Amino acid sequence: MEPTAVNDGKRRNGFFAALLMLSGLPSANASATATDAADVPQALVPAKVQQLNDRPIPRFAVDAAWPQVPDDLTLGQIPGVAVDRHDNVWIIQRPNSLDFSDNGLAQSPPTAVCCRPAPHVMQFSSAGDYLGGWGGSDQAPRIDGVDQWPQVVHGIFVDDRDSVWIGGNGKDDHVVLNFSADGEFIRQYGIRGVTGGNSDREALGNPADIHHDTRLNEVLVADGYTNKRVIGFDSARNTFSRLFGAYGKDPDGGTREGDFDQSQASSNADGGANPEAGIFGDIVHCVSRGPDGMIYVCDRRNNRIQVFNSAEDGAIRFVRNLVIAGDTGGLRTASDIAWSPDGKFMYVADMMNGQVWILDAADYAILGALGRNGRYAGEFIWLHSVDVDSKGNLYTSEVSTGRRVQKFVLTGVE
């Protein structure tokens, strides 16, 4: 069953109905749908790539016409992008990051001809067609009267069974939720409002990212904004499997005091990044298994990725640090990771510098970088997530005032 588009609306008053007709936008009871992407040519703009040595590096063009968002919907902050096994592209976005000037069509009565908030979870084809969306309080269960949908969604992962995983980093968002592709609730780990620190085997602490390995039946969680660790669950039995901190040791360093707010993400009050720190910083931002079977963890506030080898018995062995622009302050760097479909290149999203670093996946040499800070096609504001499809095309998402998902079309390697 495919997701259905969320496009139904309320009847406008006479003035706005007339205004909508004059503007050419859909009327109050019309179904506003995106233009079929097959009818819209790609708008390819050469993407800025900085090459740091003479080794071959992927080249891209950004498709400024991608995606085709329905005419009556608008996007808020986009903290996650994921590509599924069909090369469909999923995003998770924050309707609650929009304000009255974004949501005129959703006011009662309407105050503008556009727009209304898009659903939290949205799916697009690789061509950019909008395939549907869902999300919100009605999607998740209530436990002891508490709605389990996150106040501030964060991170999305789609596994090879088309199962969708999301987390949250808002007040009390100590939960990972799992849904079918059409938004049917499957299960959750953790409970909203309940957290127990870095050694707790059940409660979470503002999980930032999820990776589900269906072959190994293991869910790994970057647990992440309150806690400072990675925790695993057996997805066949829905039981605890393991947890670890920096360098594969028992997680240490305490937890965040109070609720996370966005200003903490850009503060230098912690003294700055320390790529050699013995503990994770206060945002463990991503976790992923690479094509080499290694586990990669984004220690964003310390400007590094830690690489781990995982033995069959579950033992974790630290392999090495990958320092990403180690002297960077503010938002810091390592935010997310993806790999080219042939496994030769590794892409690292860098929030503060507004770049996607391109590494050789075999020796981790930094080959160059894609993009720069800015608001035009191929540029980034608070670059947050990155993923790759089977053709090698790259997708990125932005939070804060960025509020975009972009597609970078692979044009070659040279």
Protein backbone atom coordinates (compact mmCIF):
# COMPACT_ATOMS: atom_id res chain seq x y z
CA MET A 1 0.00 0.00 0.00
CA GLU A 2 1.42 3.35 -1.03
CA PRO A 3 1.22 6.40 1.23
CA THR A 4 -1.54 8.86 0.37
CA ALA A 5 -0.99 12.55 -0.09
CA VAL A 6 -2.18 14.91 2.63
CA ASN A 7 -3.89 17.61 0.54
CA ASP A 8 -7.45 17.99 1.81
CA GLY A 9 -8.39 21.43 3.11
CA LYS A 10 -11.09 23.55 4.72
CA ARG A 11 -13.53 25.77 2.84
CA ARG A 12 -12.25 29.32 2.45
CA ASN A 13 -14.33 32.44 2.86
CA GLY A 14 -15.53 34.24 -0.26
CA PHE A 15 -12.62 36.66 -0.46
CA PHE A 16 -9.91 34.03 -0.32
CA ALA A 17 -11.74 31.70 -2.67
CA ALA A 18 -11.77 34.49 -5.25
CA LEU A 19 -8.14 35.34 -4.55
CA LEU A 20 -7.14 31.72 -5.03
CA MET A 21 -8.96 31.62 -8.37
CA LEU A 22 -7.21 34.79 -9.55
CA SER A 23 -3.82 33.47 -8.45
CA GLY A 24 -4.28 30.19 -10.24
CA LEU A 25 -3.74 28.25 -7.01
CA PRO A 26 -6.10 25.40 -6.04
CA SER A 27 -9.39 26.32 -4.46
CA ALA A 28 -10.45 25.42 -0.93
CA ASN A 29 -11.93 22.04 -1.75
CA ALA A 30 -9.54 21.19 -4.54
CA SER A 31 -6.83 18.58 -4.28
CA ALA A 32 -3.53 20.40 -4.74
CA THR A 33 -0.97 18.05 -6.20
CA ALA A 34 2.57 18.49 -7.39
CA THR A 35 3.27 18.79 -11.07
CA ASP A 36 4.29 15.42 -12.46
CA ALA A 37 8.09 15.46 -12.43
CA ALA A 38 8.05 13.67 -15.77
CA ASP A 39 6.70 16.91 -17.26
CA VAL A 40 9.39 19.06 -15.66
CA PRO A 41 12.89 18.90 -17.11
CA GLN A 42 15.86 18.72 -14.79
CA ALA A 43 17.31 22.11 -13.97
CA LEU A 44 20.93 21.10 -13.62
CA VAL A 45 23.39 23.59 -12.20
CA PRO A 46 27.08 22.66 -11.94
CA ALA A 47 27.88 22.01 -8.29
CA LYS A 48 30.98 23.50 -6.75
CA VAL A 49 33.51 20.77 -5.96
CA GLN A 50 36.83 21.55 -4.34
CA GLN A 51 39.46 18.98 -5.27
CA LEU A 52 42.31 18.71 -2.75
CA ASN A 53 44.70 16.42 -4.66
CA ASP A 54 45.08 14.70 -8.01
CA ARG A 55 43.09 11.60 -7.04
CA PRO A 56 39.77 10.98 -8.89
CA ILE A 57 36.73 12.55 -7.25
CA PRO A 58 32.97 12.37 -7.95
CA ARG A 59 31.46 15.35 -9.79
CA PHE A 60 27.87 16.52 -9.42
CA ALA A 61 25.25 18.90 -10.78
CA VAL A 62 22.46 20.08 -8.49
CA ASP A 63 18.91 19.64 -9.83
CA ALA A 64 17.25 22.93 -8.89
CA ALA A 65 13.84 21.58 -10.03
CA TRP A 66 13.87 18.72 -7.53
CA PRO A 67 11.57 17.82 -5.75
CA GLN A 68 8.04 18.72 -6.87
CA VAL A 69 6.29 19.75 -3.62
CA PRO A 70 2.48 20.10 -3.84
CA ASP A 71 1.40 23.68 -4.47
CA ASP A 72 -0.34 24.15 -1.13
CA LEU A 73 2.36 22.64 1.10
CA THR A 74 5.48 24.19 2.61
CA LEU A 75 8.44 22.61 4.36
CA GLY A 76 9.96 23.44 7.72
CA GLN A 77 13.34 22.33 8.99
CA ILE A 78 14.39 19.00 7.45
CA PRO A 79 16.51 17.02 9.94
CA GLY A 80 16.63 13.79 7.97
CA VAL A 81 16.82 12.32 4.46
CA ALA A 82 16.92 8.61 3.58
CA VAL A 83 16.90 6.66 0.31
CA ASP A 84 15.07 3.33 0.28
CA ARG A 85 15.85 0.21 -1.76
CA HIS A 86 13.56 1.43 -4.57
CA ASP A 87 15.51 4.71 -4.83
CA ASN A 88 12.58 6.62 -3.39
CA VAL A 89 13.68 9.49 -1.19
CA TRP A 90 12.20 10.03 2.28
CA ILE A 91 12.47 13.15 4.38
CA ILE A 92 11.36 14.00 7.87
CA GLN A 93 10.51 17.64 8.46
CA ARG A 94 9.28 19.85 11.28
CA PRO A 95 5.90 21.50 10.67
CA ASN A 96 6.20 23.12 14.11
CA SER A 97 9.24 25.09 12.93
CA LEU A 98 6.94 27.15 10.67
CA ASP A 99 5.31 30.40 11.79
CA PHE A 100 2.17 32.36 10.86
CA SER A 101 3.76 33.87 7.77
CA ASP A 102 4.50 30.39 6.41
CA ASN A 103 1.07 28.99 7.25
CA GLY A 104 -1.39 31.56 5.95
CA LEU A 105 -3.50 28.99 4.14
CA ALA A 106 -3.84 26.93 7.32
CA GLN A 107 -5.22 29.79 9.43
CA SER A 108 -8.92 30.10 10.16
CA PRO A 109 -9.89 32.13 8.26
CA PRO A 110 -6.96 31.95 5.81
CA THR A 111 -4.62 34.93 5.84
CA ALA A 112 -2.77 34.16 2.57
CA VAL A 113 -3.14 32.13 -0.60
CA CYS A 114 -0.40 29.77 0.55
CA CYS A 115 0.56 27.61 2.42
CA ARG A 116 -0.23 24.81 4.86
CA PRO A 117 2.37 22.66 6.68
CA ALA A 118 3.50 19.51 4.92
CA PRO A 119 3.30 16.20 6.83
CA HIS A 120 6.21 15.17 9.03
CA VAL A 121 7.23 12.22 6.84
CA MET A 122 7.27 12.66 3.06
CA GLN A 123 8.21 10.33 0.21
CA PHE A 124 9.40 11.37 -3.25
CA SER A 125 10.40 9.37 -6.31
CA SER A 126 13.93 9.73 -7.63
CA ALA A 127 12.44 11.94 -10.35
CA GLY A 128 10.95 14.22 -7.70
CA ASP A 129 7.28 13.20 -7.78
CA TYR A 130 5.55 13.50 -4.40
CA LEU A 131 4.33 10.02 -3.45
CA GLY A 132 2.67 10.88 -0.15
CA GLY A 133 3.17 11.67 3.49
CA TRP A 134 2.04 11.02 7.04
CA GLY A 135 2.99 11.64 10.65
CA GLY A 136 1.90 13.34 13.85
CA SER A 137 0.18 12.50 17.11
CA ASP A 138 -2.45 10.27 15.51
CA GLN A 139 0.28 8.07 14.05
CA ALA A 140 1.82 6.95 17.34
CA PRO A 141 0.35 5.21 20.41
CA ARG A 142 -0.38 6.72 23.82
CA ILE A 143 1.29 5.16 26.84
CA ASP A 144 -0.14 6.05 30.24
CA GLY A 145 -1.94 8.90 28.50
CA VAL A 146 1.26 10.31 26.93
CA ASP A 147 1.38 10.80 23.18
CA GLN A 148 4.54 9.09 21.90
CA TRP A 149 5.09 11.16 18.74
CA PRO A 150 8.20 13.35 19.23
CA GLN A 151 7.79 17.03 19.94
CA VAL A 152 10.79 17.70 17.68
CA VAL A 153 11.48 14.95 15.14
CA HIS A 154 15.12 14.14 14.37
CA GLY A 155 16.57 11.61 11.96
CA ILE A 156 14.99 9.09 9.59
CA PHE A 157 16.12 5.67 8.39
CA VAL A 158 14.39 3.31 5.95
CA ASP A 159 15.57 -0.28 6.12
CA ASP A 160 15.56 -2.88 3.34
CA ARG A 161 12.13 -4.10 4.41
CA ASP A 162 10.70 -0.61 3.71
CA SER A 163 10.31 0.00 7.43
CA VAL A 164 10.67 3.63 8.56
CA TRP A 165 12.48 4.64 11.76
CA ILE A 166 12.47 8.08 13.40
CA GLY A 167 13.79 9.70 16.59
CA GLY A 168 13.41 13.03 18.37
CA ASN A 169 15.46 15.60 20.27
CA GLY A 170 12.79 17.85 21.80
CA LYS A 171 11.54 17.99 25.37
CA ASP A 172 10.90 14.44 26.65
CA ASP A 173 11.55 12.90 23.20
CA HIS A 174 13.33 9.82 24.55
CA VAL A 175 11.89 7.43 21.99
CA VAL A 176 12.59 5.69 18.68
CA LEU A 177 9.48 4.89 16.63
CA ASN A 178 9.14 2.35 13.82
CA PHE A 179 6.41 2.42 11.13
CA SER A 180 5.49 0.67 7.93
CA ALA A 181 5.95 2.62 4.69
CA ASP A 182 2.34 3.81 4.81
CA GLY A 183 2.61 5.00 8.40
CA GLU A 184 1.26 2.05 10.37
CA PHE A 185 2.87 1.88 13.82
CA ILE A 186 5.01 -1.22 14.38
CA ARG A 187 6.99 -0.72 17.62
CA GLN A 188 9.07 1.65 19.66
CA TYR A 189 12.11 1.67 21.92
CA GLY A 190 12.09 3.96 24.93
CA ILE A 191 9.16 6.00 26.27
CA ARG A 192 8.54 9.72 26.02
CA GLY A 193 9.39 11.50 29.24
CA VAL A 194 11.51 8.67 30.64
CA THR A 195 15.31 8.71 30.55
CA GLY A 196 17.83 6.91 32.73
CA GLY A 197 21.35 7.90 31.75
CA ASN A 198 24.15 6.28 29.78
CA SER A 199 23.98 2.85 31.46
CA ASP A 200 20.24 2.31 31.18
CA ARG A 201 19.38 -0.65 28.93
CA GLU A 202 15.80 0.40 28.17
CA ALA A 203 15.31 4.15 28.46
CA LEU A 204 16.78 6.48 25.83
CA GLY A 205 18.00 10.08 25.96
CA ASN A 206 16.98 12.15 22.92
CA PRO A 207 18.04 9.71 20.17
CA ALA A 208 19.45 11.46 17.11
CA ASP A 209 19.80 8.68 14.54
CA ILE A 210 18.93 5.05 13.86
CA HIS A 211 20.39 2.25 11.73
CA HIS A 212 18.57 -1.08 11.36
CA ASP A 213 20.62 -3.97 10.00
CA THR A 214 17.97 -6.52 8.98
CA ARG A 215 20.58 -9.18 8.22
CA LEU A 216 21.90 -9.03 11.78
CA ASN A 217 18.53 -8.13 13.34
CA GLU A 218 20.07 -5.21 15.17
CA VAL A 219 18.92 -1.64 15.65
CA LEU A 220 21.71 0.79 16.51
CA VAL A 221 20.74 4.15 18.02
CA ALA A 222 22.92 7.26 18.29
CA ASP A 223 21.58 8.22 21.69
CA GLY A 224 22.75 11.32 21.26
CA TYR A 225 21.33 14.67 22.57
CA THR A 226 20.87 13.85 26.26
CA ASN A 227 22.93 10.67 26.58
CA LYS A 228 26.41 10.18 25.08
CA ARG A 229 26.42 6.70 23.69
CA VAL A 230 25.35 4.17 21.09
CA ILE A 231 22.82 1.57 22.20
CA GLY A 232 21.71 -1.54 20.32
CA PHE A 233 18.53 -3.63 20.33
CA ASP A 234 17.78 -7.08 18.96
CA SER A 235 15.01 -6.31 16.46
CA ALA A 236 13.83 -9.93 16.31
CA ARG A 237 13.16 -10.06 20.07
CA ASN A 238 12.97 -6.30 20.78
CA THR A 239 15.47 -6.68 23.59
CA PHE A 240 18.67 -4.89 24.57
CA SER A 241 21.81 -6.09 22.75
CA ARG A 242 24.70 -3.75 23.70
CA LEU A 243 25.85 -0.23 24.44
CA PHE A 244 29.13 1.60 24.14
CA GLY A 245 30.72 5.01 24.36
CA ALA A 246 33.76 6.63 22.77
CA TYR A 247 36.60 4.22 21.95
CA GLY A 248 34.21 1.33 22.60
CA LYS A 249 34.36 1.83 26.36
CA ASP A 250 31.52 2.06 28.84
CA PRO A 251 29.73 5.33 28.08
CA ASP A 252 30.84 8.13 30.38
CA GLY A 253 30.80 11.89 30.61
CA GLY A 254 27.40 12.36 32.17
CA THR A 255 24.26 13.52 30.38
CA ARG A 256 22.89 16.84 29.22
CA GLU A 257 21.33 18.84 32.02
CA GLY A 258 17.89 20.13 31.07
CA ASP A 259 16.24 20.14 27.67
CA PHE A 260 18.24 20.68 24.50
CA ASP A 261 17.69 23.93 22.65
CA GLN A 262 19.08 24.94 19.28
CA SER A 263 21.36 27.63 20.73
CA GLN A 264 23.39 24.90 22.45
CA ALA A 265 24.23 23.43 19.05
CA SER A 266 26.23 26.52 18.07
CA SER A 267 27.77 27.48 21.42
CA ASN A 268 31.52 27.39 22.10
CA ALA A 269 30.95 27.41 25.86
CA ASP A 270 32.27 23.84 26.07
CA GLY A 271 35.73 25.11 25.14
CA GLY A 272 35.57 23.90 21.55
CA ALA A 273 36.03 20.62 19.76
CA ASN A 274 38.51 18.05 21.01
CA PRO A 275 39.06 15.33 18.39
CA GLU A 276 41.16 13.38 20.91
CA ALA A 277 38.57 13.49 23.72
CA GLY A 278 38.17 10.30 25.74
CA ILE A 279 34.38 10.61 25.75
CA PHE A 280 31.75 11.50 23.18
CA GLY A 281 30.72 15.15 23.00
CA ASP A 282 27.22 16.24 23.87
CA ILE A 283 25.75 15.47 20.44
CA VAL A 284 26.26 11.89 19.24
CA HIS A 285 24.65 12.67 15.92
CA CYS A 286 24.73 9.63 13.64
CA VAL A 287 25.37 5.91 13.55
CA SER A 288 25.69 3.74 10.47
CA ARG A 289 27.16 0.48 9.22
CA GLY A 290 29.40 1.01 6.24
CA PRO A 291 29.66 -1.32 3.24
CA ASP A 292 32.81 -2.66 4.93
CA GLY A 293 30.73 -3.83 7.92
CA MET A 294 32.31 -1.27 10.25
CA ILE A 295 30.19 0.87 12.57
CA TYR A 296 30.63 4.62 12.10
CA VAL A 297 29.56 7.13 14.76
CA CYS A 298 29.35 10.91 14.27
CA ASP A 299 30.74 12.67 17.35
CA ARG A 300 29.66 16.02 15.96
CA ARG A 301 30.79 18.37 18.73
CA ASN A 302 34.27 16.84 18.64
CA ASN A 303 34.58 17.15 14.83
CA ARG A 304 35.20 13.47 14.34
CA ILE A 305 33.84 10.15 13.27
CA GLN A 306 34.78 7.12 15.33
CA VAL A 307 35.11 3.82 13.48
CA PHE A 308 34.46 0.49 15.22
CA ASN A 309 34.80 -3.15 14.32
CA SER A 310 31.99 -5.35 15.58
CA ALA A 311 32.76 -9.01 16.33
CA GLU A 312 30.18 -11.77 15.91
CA ASP A 313 29.83 -12.05 19.68
CA GLY A 314 28.90 -8.36 19.86
CA ALA A 315 32.26 -7.14 21.15
CA ILE A 316 33.17 -3.65 19.95
CA ARG A 317 36.74 -2.76 19.01
CA PHE A 318 37.75 0.83 18.31
CA VAL A 319 39.55 1.19 14.96
CA ARG A 320 40.35 4.86 14.46
CA ASN A 321 39.27 8.50 14.56
CA LEU A 322 38.43 10.34 11.38
CA VAL A 323 38.90 14.04 12.07
CA ILE A 324 36.70 16.30 9.96
CA ALA A 325 37.92 19.93 9.84
CA GLY A 326 39.11 19.56 13.42
CA ASP A 327 39.55 23.26 14.27
CA THR A 328 35.97 24.20 13.35
CA GLY A 329 33.87 25.89 16.05
CA GLY A 330 30.19 26.76 16.33
CA LEU A 331 27.95 24.04 14.95
CA ARG A 332 31.00 21.80 14.43
CA THR A 333 31.30 19.31 11.61
CA ALA A 334 30.51 15.58 11.40
CA SER A 335 26.73 15.42 11.11
CA ASP A 336 25.97 12.43 8.87
CA ILE A 337 27.62 9.81 6.63
CA ALA A 338 26.79 8.03 3.38
CA TRP A 339 28.64 5.92 0.82
CA SER A 340 28.70 5.69 -2.96
CA PRO A 341 26.89 2.57 -4.23
CA ASP A 342 30.20 0.95 -5.24
CA GLY A 343 31.59 1.57 -1.74
CA LYS A 344 34.57 3.55 -3.04
CA PHE A 345 33.65 6.97 -1.67
CA MET A 346 32.44 8.15 1.70
CA TYR A 347 30.45 11.37 2.10
CA VAL A 348 30.40 13.31 5.37
CA ALA A 349 27.98 16.18 5.99
CA ASP A 350 29.67 19.15 7.70
CA MET A 351 27.18 21.50 9.37
CA MET A 352 29.34 24.50 10.18
CA ASN A 353 31.35 24.67 6.97
CA GLY A 354 28.36 23.90 4.75
CA GLN A 355 30.14 21.17 2.80
CA VAL A 356 29.93 17.49 2.02
CA TRP A 357 33.43 16.11 2.46
CA ILE A 358 34.41 13.39 -0.02
CA LEU A 359 36.71 10.67 1.34
CA ASP A 360 38.30 7.61 -0.17
CA ALA A 361 36.44 4.84 1.66
CA ALA A 362 39.47 2.53 1.60
CA ASP A 363 42.08 4.73 3.29
CA TYR A 364 39.85 7.61 4.50
CA ALA A 365 41.94 10.19 2.65
CA ILE A 366 40.01 13.42 2.19
CA LEU A 367 39.77 14.01 -1.56
CA GLY A 368 37.72 17.17 -1.62
CA ALA A 369 34.42 18.78 -0.71
CA LEU A 370 31.08 19.60 -2.33
CA GLY A 371 29.29 22.92 -1.76
CA ARG A 372 29.73 25.92 0.55
CA ASN A 373 27.65 27.94 2.98
CA GLY A 374 24.88 29.80 1.18
CA ARG A 375 21.26 29.76 0.09
CA TYR A 376 21.49 29.12 -3.63
CA ALA A 377 21.36 25.80 -5.46
CA GLY A 378 24.22 23.58 -4.33
CA GLU A 379 24.90 25.59 -1.18
CA PHE A 380 23.93 24.82 2.41
CA ILE A 381 22.63 26.41 5.61
CA TRP A 382 22.92 24.07 8.63
CA LEU A 383 23.59 21.01 6.45
CA HIS A 384 22.20 18.13 8.49
CA SER A 385 21.84 14.85 6.59
CA VAL A 386 23.13 13.10 3.50
CA ASP A 387 22.24 9.91 1.63
CA VAL A 388 22.95 8.30 -1.76
CA ASP A 389 20.84 6.34 -4.24
CA SER A 390 21.83 3.32 -6.34
CA LYS A 391 22.96 5.56 -9.23
CA GLY A 392 25.33 7.53 -7.03
CA ASN A 393 23.15 10.64 -6.81
CA LEU A 394 23.46 12.52 -3.53
CA TYR A 395 20.64 13.96 -1.38
CA THR A 396 21.06 16.48 1.43
CA SER A 397 18.81 18.15 4.00
CA GLU A 398 19.06 21.37 6.03
CA VAL A 399 17.67 22.63 9.33
CA SER A 400 17.46 26.05 11.03
CA THR A 401 16.66 28.54 8.26
CA GLY A 402 17.94 26.21 5.51
CA ARG A 403 14.75 24.13 5.28
CA ARG A 404 15.67 22.36 2.06
CA VAL A 405 16.23 18.95 0.56
CA GLN A 406 18.50 18.96 -2.49
CA LYS A 407 19.44 16.42 -5.15
CA PHE A 408 22.95 16.30 -6.60
CA VAL A 409 23.14 14.29 -9.84
CA LEU A 410 26.35 12.33 -10.30
CA THR A 411 27.97 13.44 -13.56
CA GLY A 412 31.14 11.37 -13.37
CA VAL A 413 34.35 10.64 -11.49
CA GLU A 414 37.49 12.39 -12.61
